[in-house]
Amino acid sequence: MDVIAVTYGPGIGWLGTHPYFSRVLAGMMPVLEGARVQLRLHAVGLEAAGDAIDEIAANTTVGAVLADITPDLATRFHRRCRRVVSMVPTAPSVPAMRADNVGGAYAAVRELHRLGRRRIAAIHGPARNPCAIDRRAGYRRAVDDLGLPHASADGDFHRDGGHHAAQCLLRQDPDIDAMFVACDLMAAGAVQAITATGRRVPDDVSIVGFDDSIAAVCTNPPLTTMRLPVEEMATAATRLLLDGVPAAGHRQQFPIELVTRASTPAPSYGTRDR
């Protein structure tokens, strides 16, 4: 079975270097135990992705989990091999595990607003990443609905990108009192950038991340975040492939939940705290 991800530029390397991909593998491995299936990992550079996708599709046997791949490339793979499931937002014909990234980002901004924050900035992921696109849309919809100003910078789903983006945002607008960060690893970098200026998290700047990865609990303070159930999605994708050829357009829905920790000033009512 193949696991495929597209890399979006320098600094995003092998699959095992990012918490998201380790969670994908953690969800797949228990299902594959005893199945006599070999697991192959592919990190495909965006520039040469088309040819790489064709080659992988031609050699796929049991199936492929598209851990992070654009809709056009997913469609290309699906035309050549039907035994495929996407873990990220994708083209209508491609079978996929679906989580509401737009709604999760929207809920994150609403939570910060509920806590009294009024200058809520965002740090977005790579411009071509499907999850990042949806989280960007959710942020924009929320600030528009709340009548708040837009303030955002782009990161790359890595700590250094979040650190640099937070520095830029605080230089442009020192009055920012909250940040929605589209990935916990970027949020960890943002916390470091914020505290380096003498500001306190969450008192001066509150932060909500996204994913609920290991980075969220290792950050100081631990991150309030929107939990993406990656392991559960990967488990379901693997089982679907082991059962045969998924139906075109198959969708399985998964909830995104707010997990309250110390990077926001108070727990949210009706949400899980851990």
C-alpha atoms as a PDB file:
ATOM      1  CA  MET A   1       0.000   0.000   0.000  1.00  0.00           C
ATOM      2  CA  ASP A   2       1.269   3.454  -0.916  1.00  0.00           C
ATOM      3  CA  VAL A   3       1.190   6.684   1.078  1.00  0.00           C
ATOM      4  CA  ILE A   4       1.700   9.758  -1.106  1.00  0.00           C
ATOM      5  CA  ALA A   5       2.311  13.388  -0.212  1.00  0.00           C
ATOM      6  CA  VAL A   6       3.288  16.406  -2.306  1.00  0.00           C
ATOM      7  CA  THR A   7       6.020  18.661  -0.943  1.00  0.00           C
ATOM      8  CA  TYR A   8       5.428  22.379  -1.441  1.00  0.00           C
ATOM      9  CA  GLY A   9       8.948  23.795  -1.393  1.00  0.00           C
ATOM     10  CA  PRO A  10      12.288  23.785   0.418  1.00  0.00           C
ATOM     11  CA  GLY A  11      12.075  22.964   4.096  1.00  0.00           C
ATOM     12  CA  ILE A  12       9.271  20.433   3.671  1.00  0.00           C
ATOM     13  CA  GLY A  13      11.090  17.175   3.314  1.00  0.00           C
ATOM     14  CA  TRP A  14      10.553  13.540   4.146  1.00  0.00           C
ATOM     15  CA  LEU A  15       7.143  12.431   5.393  1.00  0.00           C
ATOM     16  CA  GLY A  16       8.449  11.431   8.822  1.00  0.00           C
ATOM     17  CA  THR A  17       9.599  14.955   9.691  1.00  0.00           C
ATOM     18  CA  HIS A  18       6.077  16.336  10.224  1.00  0.00           C
ATOM     19  CA  PRO A  19       3.600  15.282  12.955  1.00  0.00           C
ATOM     20  CA  TYR A  20       0.716  15.031  10.484  1.00  0.00           C
ATOM     21  CA  PHE A  21       2.353  12.263   8.475  1.00  0.00           C
ATOM     22  CA  SER A  22       3.368  10.279  11.550  1.00  0.00           C
ATOM     23  CA  ARG A  23      -0.291  10.372  12.594  1.00  0.00           C
ATOM     24  CA  VAL A  24      -1.350   9.078   9.165  1.00  0.00           C
ATOM     25  CA  LEU A  25       1.025   6.145   9.575  1.00  0.00           C
ATOM     26  CA  ALA A  26      -0.136   5.567  13.168  1.00  0.00           C
ATOM     27  CA  GLY A  27      -3.692   5.178  11.880  1.00  0.00           C
ATOM     28  CA  MET A  28      -2.738   2.833   9.070  1.00  0.00           C
ATOM     29  CA  MET A  29      -0.290   0.463  10.750  1.00  0.00           C
ATOM     30  CA  PRO A  30      -2.686  -1.329  13.155  1.00  0.00           C
ATOM     31  CA  VAL A  31      -5.035  -2.121  10.243  1.00  0.00           C
ATOM     32  CA  LEU A  32      -2.179  -3.488   8.134  1.00  0.00           C
ATOM     33  CA  GLU A  33      -0.831  -5.776  10.866  1.00  0.00           C
ATOM     34  CA  GLY A  34      -1.287  -9.343   9.681  1.00  0.00           C
ATOM     35  CA  ALA A  35      -2.556  -8.202   6.274  1.00  0.00           C
ATOM     36  CA  ARG A  36       0.713  -9.122   4.519  1.00  0.00           C
ATOM     37  CA  VAL A  37       0.784  -5.744   2.805  1.00  0.00           C
ATOM     38  CA  GLN A  38       3.954  -3.797   2.158  1.00  0.00           C
ATOM     39  CA  LEU A  39       3.785  -0.078   2.984  1.00  0.00           C
ATOM     40  CA  ARG A  40       5.608   2.325   0.671  1.00  0.00           C
ATOM     41  CA  LEU A  41       6.034   6.052   1.362  1.00  0.00           C
ATOM     42  CA  HIS A  42       6.363   8.628  -1.408  1.00  0.00           C
ATOM     43  CA  ALA A  43       7.257  12.309  -0.949  1.00  0.00           C
ATOM     44  CA  VAL A  44       6.688  13.906  -4.366  1.00  0.00           C
ATOM     45  CA  GLY A  45       8.004  17.352  -5.263  1.00  0.00           C
ATOM     46  CA  LEU A  46       5.320  19.597  -6.734  1.00  0.00           C
ATOM     47  CA  GLU A  47       7.399  20.451  -9.799  1.00  0.00           C
ATOM     48  CA  ALA A  48       7.685  16.827 -10.973  1.00  0.00           C
ATOM     49  CA  ALA A  49       4.497  15.531  -9.377  1.00  0.00           C
ATOM     50  CA  GLY A  50       2.656  14.597 -12.576  1.00  0.00           C
ATOM     51  CA  ASP A  51       5.174  12.057 -13.822  1.00  0.00           C
ATOM     52  CA  ALA A  52       5.692  10.676 -10.310  1.00  0.00           C
ATOM     53  CA  ILE A  53       1.936  10.232  -9.846  1.00  0.00           C
ATOM     54  CA  ASP A  54       1.672   8.312 -13.106  1.00  0.00           C
ATOM     55  CA  GLU A  55       4.481   5.953 -12.122  1.00  0.00           C
ATOM     56  CA  ILE A  56       3.116   5.296  -8.633  1.00  0.00           C
ATOM     57  CA  ALA A  57      -0.398   4.694  -9.973  1.00  0.00           C
ATOM     58  CA  ALA A  58       0.917   2.193 -12.518  1.00  0.00           C
ATOM     59  CA  ASN A  59       2.601   0.169  -9.770  1.00  0.00           C
ATOM     60  CA  THR A  60      -0.048   0.398  -7.034  1.00  0.00           C
ATOM     61  CA  THR A  61      -1.512  -2.948  -5.991  1.00  0.00           C
ATOM     62  CA  VAL A  62      -3.622  -2.896  -2.811  1.00  0.00           C
ATOM     63  CA  GLY A  63      -4.211   0.837  -2.998  1.00  0.00           C
ATOM     64  CA  ALA A  64      -2.935   4.326  -2.218  1.00  0.00           C
ATOM     65  CA  VAL A  65      -3.678   6.805   0.561  1.00  0.00           C
ATOM     66  CA  LEU A  66      -3.220  10.374  -0.658  1.00  0.00           C
ATOM     67  CA  ALA A  67      -1.992  11.985   2.545  1.00  0.00           C
ATOM     68  CA  ASP A  68      -1.540  15.459   1.092  1.00  0.00           C
ATOM     69  CA  ILE A  69      -2.078  16.040  -2.603  1.00  0.00           C
ATOM     70  CA  THR A  70      -3.819  18.640  -4.757  1.00  0.00           C
ATOM     71  CA  PRO A  71      -7.221  17.851  -6.329  1.00  0.00           C
ATOM     72  CA  ASP A  72      -5.861  17.933  -9.900  1.00  0.00           C
ATOM     73  CA  LEU A  73      -3.144  15.418  -9.062  1.00  0.00           C
ATOM     74  CA  ALA A  74      -5.636  13.256  -7.149  1.00  0.00           C
ATOM     75  CA  THR A  75      -7.865  13.207 -10.226  1.00  0.00           C
ATOM     76  CA  ARG A  76      -4.911  12.235 -12.383  1.00  0.00           C
ATOM     77  CA  PHE A  77      -4.088   9.362 -10.025  1.00  0.00           C
ATOM     78  CA  HIS A  78      -7.723   8.211  -9.862  1.00  0.00           C
ATOM     79  CA  ARG A  79      -7.973   8.038 -13.657  1.00  0.00           C
ATOM     80  CA  ARG A  80      -5.049   5.621 -13.691  1.00  0.00           C
ATOM     81  CA  CYS A  81      -5.827   3.673 -10.519  1.00  0.00           C
ATOM     82  CA  ARG A  82      -9.234   3.445  -8.807  1.00  0.00           C
ATOM     83  CA  ARG A  83      -7.851   1.958  -5.597  1.00  0.00           C
ATOM     84  CA  VAL A  84      -7.214   5.298  -3.941  1.00  0.00           C
ATOM     85  CA  VAL A  85      -8.511   7.402  -1.039  1.00  0.00           C
ATOM     86  CA  SER A  86      -7.642  11.026  -0.298  1.00  0.00           C
ATOM     87  CA  MET A  87      -7.110  12.311   3.239  1.00  0.00           C
ATOM     88  CA  VAL A  88      -7.530  15.956   2.201  1.00  0.00           C
ATOM     89  CA  PRO A  89     -10.181  17.959   0.313  1.00  0.00           C
ATOM     90  CA  THR A  90     -10.196  16.715  -3.252  1.00  0.00           C
ATOM     91  CA  ALA A  91     -12.013  16.451  -6.574  1.00  0.00           C
ATOM     92  CA  PRO A  92     -15.627  15.170  -6.510  1.00  0.00           C
ATOM     93  CA  SER A  93     -14.794  11.866  -8.215  1.00  0.00           C
ATOM     94  CA  VAL A  94     -11.949  10.866  -5.868  1.00  0.00           C
ATOM     95  CA  PRO A  95     -12.911   8.793  -2.780  1.00  0.00           C
ATOM     96  CA  ALA A  96     -12.027  10.712   0.375  1.00  0.00           C
ATOM     97  CA  MET A  97     -12.151  11.021   4.116  1.00  0.00           C
ATOM     98  CA  ARG A  98     -13.751  14.406   4.789  1.00  0.00           C
ATOM     99  CA  ALA A  99     -13.276  16.794   7.714  1.00  0.00           C
ATOM    100  CA  ASP A 100     -14.716  20.304   7.786  1.00  0.00           C
ATOM    101  CA  ASN A 101     -11.585  22.440   7.630  1.00  0.00           C
ATOM    102  CA  VAL A 102     -13.591  25.538   6.709  1.00  0.00           C
ATOM    103  CA  GLY A 103     -15.918  25.081   9.668  1.00  0.00           C
ATOM    104  CA  GLY A 104     -13.026  24.295  12.005  1.00  0.00           C
ATOM    105  CA  ALA A 105     -11.209  27.508  11.143  1.00  0.00           C
ATOM    106  CA  TYR A 106     -14.463  29.447  11.439  1.00  0.00           C
ATOM    107  CA  ALA A 107     -15.091  27.962  14.900  1.00  0.00           C
ATOM    108  CA  ALA A 108     -11.546  28.818  16.013  1.00  0.00           C
ATOM    109  CA  VAL A 109     -11.993  32.491  15.149  1.00  0.00           C
ATOM    110  CA  ARG A 110     -15.439  32.560  16.774  1.00  0.00           C
ATOM    111  CA  GLU A 111     -13.924  31.117  19.946  1.00  0.00           C
ATOM    112  CA  LEU A 112     -11.250  33.808  20.074  1.00  0.00           C
ATOM    113  CA  HIS A 113     -13.937  36.437  19.524  1.00  0.00           C
ATOM    114  CA  ARG A 114     -16.030  34.911  22.322  1.00  0.00           C
ATOM    115  CA  LEU A 115     -13.054  35.364  24.617  1.00  0.00           C
ATOM    116  CA  GLY A 116     -13.012  39.086  23.887  1.00  0.00           C
ATOM    117  CA  ARG A 117     -10.345  39.226  21.172  1.00  0.00           C
ATOM    118  CA  ARG A 118     -10.949  41.792  18.453  1.00  0.00           C
ATOM    119  CA  ARG A 119      -7.713  41.937  16.420  1.00  0.00           C
ATOM    120  CA  ILE A 120      -7.470  38.325  15.323  1.00  0.00           C
ATOM    121  CA  ALA A 121      -4.694  37.615  12.841  1.00  0.00           C
ATOM    122  CA  ALA A 122      -4.136  34.397  10.915  1.00  0.00           C
ATOM    123  CA  ILE A 123      -1.099  32.418   9.834  1.00  0.00           C
ATOM    124  CA  HIS A 124      -2.005  30.357   6.795  1.00  0.00           C
ATOM    125  CA  GLY A 125      -0.467  27.254   5.268  1.00  0.00           C
ATOM    126  CA  PRO A 126       0.883  26.711   1.727  1.00  0.00           C
ATOM    127  CA  ALA A 127      -1.213  28.405  -0.931  1.00  0.00           C
ATOM    128  CA  ARG A 128      -1.776  25.177  -2.929  1.00  0.00           C
ATOM    129  CA  ASN A 129      -2.379  22.843   0.009  1.00  0.00           C
ATOM    130  CA  PRO A 130      -6.065  21.753   0.021  1.00  0.00           C
ATOM    131  CA  CYS A 131      -6.463  21.886   3.816  1.00  0.00           C
ATOM    132  CA  ALA A 132      -4.717  25.246   4.009  1.00  0.00           C
ATOM    133  CA  ILE A 133      -7.017  26.641   1.305  1.00  0.00           C
ATOM    134  CA  ASP A 134     -10.115  25.608   3.280  1.00  0.00           C
ATOM    135  CA  ARG A 135      -8.750  26.921   6.598  1.00  0.00           C
ATOM    136  CA  ARG A 136      -7.940  30.233   4.947  1.00  0.00           C
ATOM    137  CA  ALA A 137     -11.508  30.420   3.657  1.00  0.00           C
ATOM    138  CA  GLY A 138     -12.908  29.661   7.124  1.00  0.00           C
ATOM    139  CA  TYR A 139     -10.840  32.445   8.701  1.00  0.00           C
ATOM    140  CA  ARG A 140     -11.922  34.974   6.092  1.00  0.00           C
ATOM    141  CA  ARG A 141     -15.576  34.037   6.445  1.00  0.00           C
ATOM    142  CA  ALA A 142     -15.417  34.370  10.230  1.00  0.00           C
ATOM    143  CA  VAL A 143     -13.745  37.785  10.348  1.00  0.00           C
ATOM    144  CA  ASP A 144     -16.149  39.063   7.701  1.00  0.00           C
ATOM    145  CA  ASP A 145     -19.175  37.785   9.629  1.00  0.00           C
ATOM    146  CA  LEU A 146     -17.826  39.317  12.859  1.00  0.00           C
ATOM    147  CA  GLY A 147     -16.926  42.624  11.239  1.00  0.00           C
ATOM    148  CA  LEU A 148     -13.248  42.315  12.186  1.00  0.00           C
ATOM    149  CA  PRO A 149     -10.219  43.519  10.213  1.00  0.00           C
ATOM    150  CA  HIS A 150      -8.240  41.041   8.132  1.00  0.00           C
ATOM    151  CA  ALA A 151      -4.609  40.478   9.119  1.00  0.00           C
ATOM    152  CA  SER A 152      -2.730  37.465   7.837  1.00  0.00           C
ATOM    153  CA  ALA A 153       0.613  36.072   6.745  1.00  0.00           C
ATOM    154  CA  ASP A 154       1.597  32.874   4.989  1.00  0.00           C
ATOM    155  CA  GLY A 155       3.598  30.077   6.594  1.00  0.00           C
ATOM    156  CA  ASP A 156       4.495  26.646   5.302  1.00  0.00           C
ATOM    157  CA  PHE A 157       3.062  24.228   7.900  1.00  0.00           C
ATOM    158  CA  HIS A 158       6.445  24.227   9.688  1.00  0.00           C
ATOM    159  CA  ARG A 159       7.721  25.872  12.876  1.00  0.00           C
ATOM    160  CA  ASP A 160      10.065  28.321  11.133  1.00  0.00           C
ATOM    161  CA  GLY A 161       7.277  29.526   8.863  1.00  0.00           C
ATOM    162  CA  GLY A 162       5.007  30.194  11.839  1.00  0.00           C
ATOM    163  CA  HIS A 163       7.799  31.993  13.691  1.00  0.00           C
ATOM    164  CA  HIS A 164       8.579  34.283  10.756  1.00  0.00           C
ATOM    165  CA  ALA A 165       4.910  34.970   9.980  1.00  0.00           C
ATOM    166  CA  ALA A 166       4.166  35.924  13.607  1.00  0.00           C
ATOM    167  CA  GLN A 167       7.133  38.294  13.643  1.00  0.00           C
ATOM    168  CA  CYS A 168       5.861  39.992  10.485  1.00  0.00           C
ATOM    169  CA  LEU A 169       2.307  40.295  11.805  1.00  0.00           C
ATOM    170  CA  LEU A 170       3.398  41.846  15.103  1.00  0.00           C
ATOM    171  CA  ARG A 171       5.624  44.351  13.314  1.00  0.00           C
ATOM    172  CA  GLN A 172       2.754  45.351  11.026  1.00  0.00           C
ATOM    173  CA  ASP A 173       0.165  45.537  13.818  1.00  0.00           C
ATOM    174  CA  PRO A 174       1.478  45.590  17.410  1.00  0.00           C
ATOM    175  CA  ASP A 175      -2.117  45.596  18.714  1.00  0.00           C
ATOM    176  CA  ILE A 176      -2.904  42.061  17.538  1.00  0.00           C
ATOM    177  CA  ASP A 177      -4.439  40.258  20.515  1.00  0.00           C
ATOM    178  CA  ALA A 178      -5.055  36.799  19.013  1.00  0.00           C
ATOM    179  CA  MET A 179      -3.866  34.498  16.244  1.00  0.00           C
ATOM    180  CA  PHE A 180      -5.525  31.641  14.442  1.00  0.00           C
ATOM    181  CA  VAL A 181      -2.706  29.440  13.145  1.00  0.00           C
ATOM    182  CA  ALA A 182      -3.577  26.812  10.533  1.00  0.00           C
ATOM    183  CA  CYS A 183      -1.195  24.147  11.903  1.00  0.00           C
ATOM    184  CA  ASP A 184       0.073  23.374  15.425  1.00  0.00           C
ATOM    185  CA  LEU A 185       3.689  23.247  14.301  1.00  0.00           C
ATOM    186  CA  MET A 186       3.428  26.788  12.928  1.00  0.00           C
ATOM    187  CA  ALA A 187       1.630  27.804  16.124  1.00  0.00           C
ATOM    188  CA  ALA A 188       4.581  26.556  18.183  1.00  0.00           C
ATOM    189  CA  GLY A 189       6.832  28.886  16.199  1.00  0.00           C
ATOM    190  CA  ALA A 190       4.341  31.722  16.626  1.00  0.00           C
ATOM    191  CA  VAL A 191       4.365  31.299  20.418  1.00  0.00           C
ATOM    192  CA  GLN A 192       8.153  31.597  20.428  1.00  0.00           C
ATOM    193  CA  ALA A 193       8.027  34.741  18.286  1.00  0.00           C
ATOM    194  CA  ILE A 194       5.353  36.327  20.477  1.00  0.00           C
ATOM    195  CA  THR A 195       7.102  35.644  23.775  1.00  0.00           C
ATOM    196  CA  ALA A 196      10.413  36.904  22.365  1.00  0.00           C
ATOM    197  CA  THR A 197       8.812  40.366  22.115  1.00  0.00           C
ATOM    198  CA  GLY A 198       7.927  40.313  25.820  1.00  0.00           C
ATOM    199  CA  ARG A 199       4.253  39.612  25.192  1.00  0.00           C
ATOM    200  CA  ARG A 200       2.536  36.844  27.137  1.00  0.00           C
ATOM    201  CA  VAL A 201       0.486  33.951  25.769  1.00  0.00           C
ATOM    202  CA  PRO A 202      -2.463  33.942  26.383  1.00  0.00           C
ATOM    203  CA  ASP A 203      -2.763  37.241  28.293  1.00  0.00           C
ATOM    204  CA  ASP A 204      -1.533  39.558  25.557  1.00  0.00           C
ATOM    205  CA  VAL A 205      -1.981  37.311  22.526  1.00  0.00           C
ATOM    206  CA  SER A 206      -4.201  34.233  22.550  1.00  0.00           C
ATOM    207  CA  ILE A 207      -3.568  31.432  20.063  1.00  0.00           C
ATOM    208  CA  VAL A 208      -5.679  28.673  18.551  1.00  0.00           C
ATOM    209  CA  GLY A 209      -3.876  26.118  16.387  1.00  0.00           C
ATOM    210  CA  PHE A 210      -5.150  23.329  14.178  1.00  0.00           C
ATOM    211  CA  ASP A 211      -4.612  19.535  14.081  1.00  0.00           C
ATOM    212  CA  ASP A 212      -4.134  18.579  17.780  1.00  0.00           C
ATOM    213  CA  SER A 213      -0.764  17.035  17.001  1.00  0.00           C
ATOM    214  CA  ILE A 214       2.062  16.291  19.443  1.00  0.00           C
ATOM    215  CA  ALA A 215       3.252  19.861  18.863  1.00  0.00           C
ATOM    216  CA  ALA A 216       0.138  21.152  20.625  1.00  0.00           C
ATOM    217  CA  VAL A 217       0.983  19.510  23.950  1.00  0.00           C
ATOM    218  CA  CYS A 218       4.741  20.152  23.737  1.00  0.00           C
ATOM    219  CA  THR A 219       4.412  23.910  23.221  1.00  0.00           C
ATOM    220  CA  ASN A 220       4.773  26.230  26.222  1.00  0.00           C
ATOM    221  CA  PRO A 221       2.000  26.993  26.969  1.00  0.00           C
ATOM    222  CA  PRO A 222       0.164  23.977  25.503  1.00  0.00           C
ATOM    223  CA  LEU A 223      -2.019  24.959  22.573  1.00  0.00           C
ATOM    224  CA  THR A 224      -5.730  25.309  22.326  1.00  0.00           C
ATOM    225  CA  THR A 225      -6.393  23.745  18.950  1.00  0.00           C
ATOM    226  CA  MET A 226      -8.956  22.330  16.553  1.00  0.00           C
ATOM    227  CA  ARG A 227      -8.598  18.546  16.599  1.00  0.00           C
ATOM    228  CA  LEU A 228      -8.381  16.923  13.179  1.00  0.00           C
ATOM    229  CA  PRO A 229      -8.948  13.167  13.709  1.00  0.00           C
ATOM    230  CA  VAL A 230      -6.058  12.107  11.464  1.00  0.00           C
ATOM    231  CA  GLU A 231      -5.534   8.634  12.930  1.00  0.00           C
ATOM    232  CA  GLU A 232      -9.227   7.772  12.634  1.00  0.00           C
ATOM    233  CA  MET A 233      -9.349   9.043   9.055  1.00  0.00           C
ATOM    234  CA  ALA A 234      -6.250   7.041   8.089  1.00  0.00           C
ATOM    235  CA  THR A 235      -7.669   3.904   9.708  1.00  0.00           C
ATOM    236  CA  ALA A 236     -10.927   4.263   7.795  1.00  0.00           C
ATOM    237  CA  ALA A 237      -9.096   4.935   4.508  1.00  0.00           C
ATOM    238  CA  THR A 238      -6.938   1.831   4.939  1.00  0.00           C
ATOM    239  CA  ARG A 239      -9.911  -0.396   5.751  1.00  0.00           C
ATOM    240  CA  LEU A 240     -11.789   0.937   2.742  1.00  0.00           C
ATOM    241  CA  LEU A 241      -8.893   0.026   0.439  1.00  0.00           C
ATOM    242  CA  LEU A 242      -8.461  -3.442   1.960  1.00  0.00           C
ATOM    243  CA  ASP A 243     -12.161  -4.073   1.281  1.00  0.00           C
ATOM    244  CA  GLY A 244     -11.710  -3.499  -2.477  1.00  0.00           C
ATOM    245  CA  VAL A 245     -12.149  -0.673  -4.966  1.00  0.00           C
ATOM    246  CA  PRO A 246     -13.873   2.327  -3.333  1.00  0.00           C
ATOM    247  CA  ALA A 247     -16.848   3.797  -5.156  1.00  0.00           C
ATOM    248  CA  ALA A 248     -16.100   6.963  -7.091  1.00  0.00           C
ATOM    249  CA  GLY A 249     -17.032  10.003  -5.021  1.00  0.00           C
ATOM    250  CA  HIS A 250     -17.184   8.035  -1.755  1.00  0.00           C
ATOM    251  CA  ARG A 251     -17.139  10.331   1.291  1.00  0.00           C
ATOM    252  CA  GLN A 252     -16.845   9.537   4.994  1.00  0.00           C
ATOM    253  CA  GLN A 253     -17.369  12.432   7.396  1.00  0.00           C
ATOM    254  CA  PHE A 254     -15.295  13.169  10.501  1.00  0.00           C
ATOM    255  CA  PRO A 255     -15.867  15.888  13.122  1.00  0.00           C
ATOM    256  CA  ILE A 256     -13.388  18.623  14.008  1.00  0.00           C
ATOM    257  CA  GLU A 257     -13.444  19.541  17.711  1.00  0.00           C
ATOM    258  CA  LEU A 258     -12.147  22.417  19.800  1.00  0.00           C
ATOM    259  CA  VAL A 259      -9.631  21.236  22.418  1.00  0.00           C
ATOM    260  CA  THR A 260      -9.011  23.881  25.089  1.00  0.00           C
ATOM    261  CA  ARG A 261      -5.587  24.286  26.640  1.00  0.00           C
ATOM    262  CA  ALA A 262      -3.500  27.127  28.089  1.00  0.00           C
ATOM    263  CA  SER A 263      -2.905  29.256  24.969  1.00  0.00           C
ATOM    264  CA  THR A 264      -6.356  30.785  25.401  1.00  0.00           C
ATOM    265  CA  PRO A 265      -7.325  32.475  28.660  1.00  0.00           C
ATOM    266  CA  ALA A 266     -10.327  30.401  29.670  1.00  0.00           C
ATOM    267  CA  PRO A 267     -11.882  27.026  28.828  1.00  0.00           C
ATOM    268  CA  SER A 268     -14.772  27.041  26.389  1.00  0.00           C
ATOM    269  CA  TYR A 269     -18.173  25.867  27.501  1.00  0.00           C
ATOM    270  CA  GLY A 270     -19.286  22.591  26.010  1.00  0.00           C
ATOM    271  CA  THR A 271     -15.839  21.623  24.704  1.00  0.00           C
ATOM    272  CA  ARG A 272     -13.416  18.989  25.750  1.00  0.00           C
ATOM    273  CA  ASP A 273     -10.474  19.953  27.975  1.00  0.00           C
ATOM    274  CA  ARG A 274      -7.377  17.853  28.179  1.00  0.00           C
END
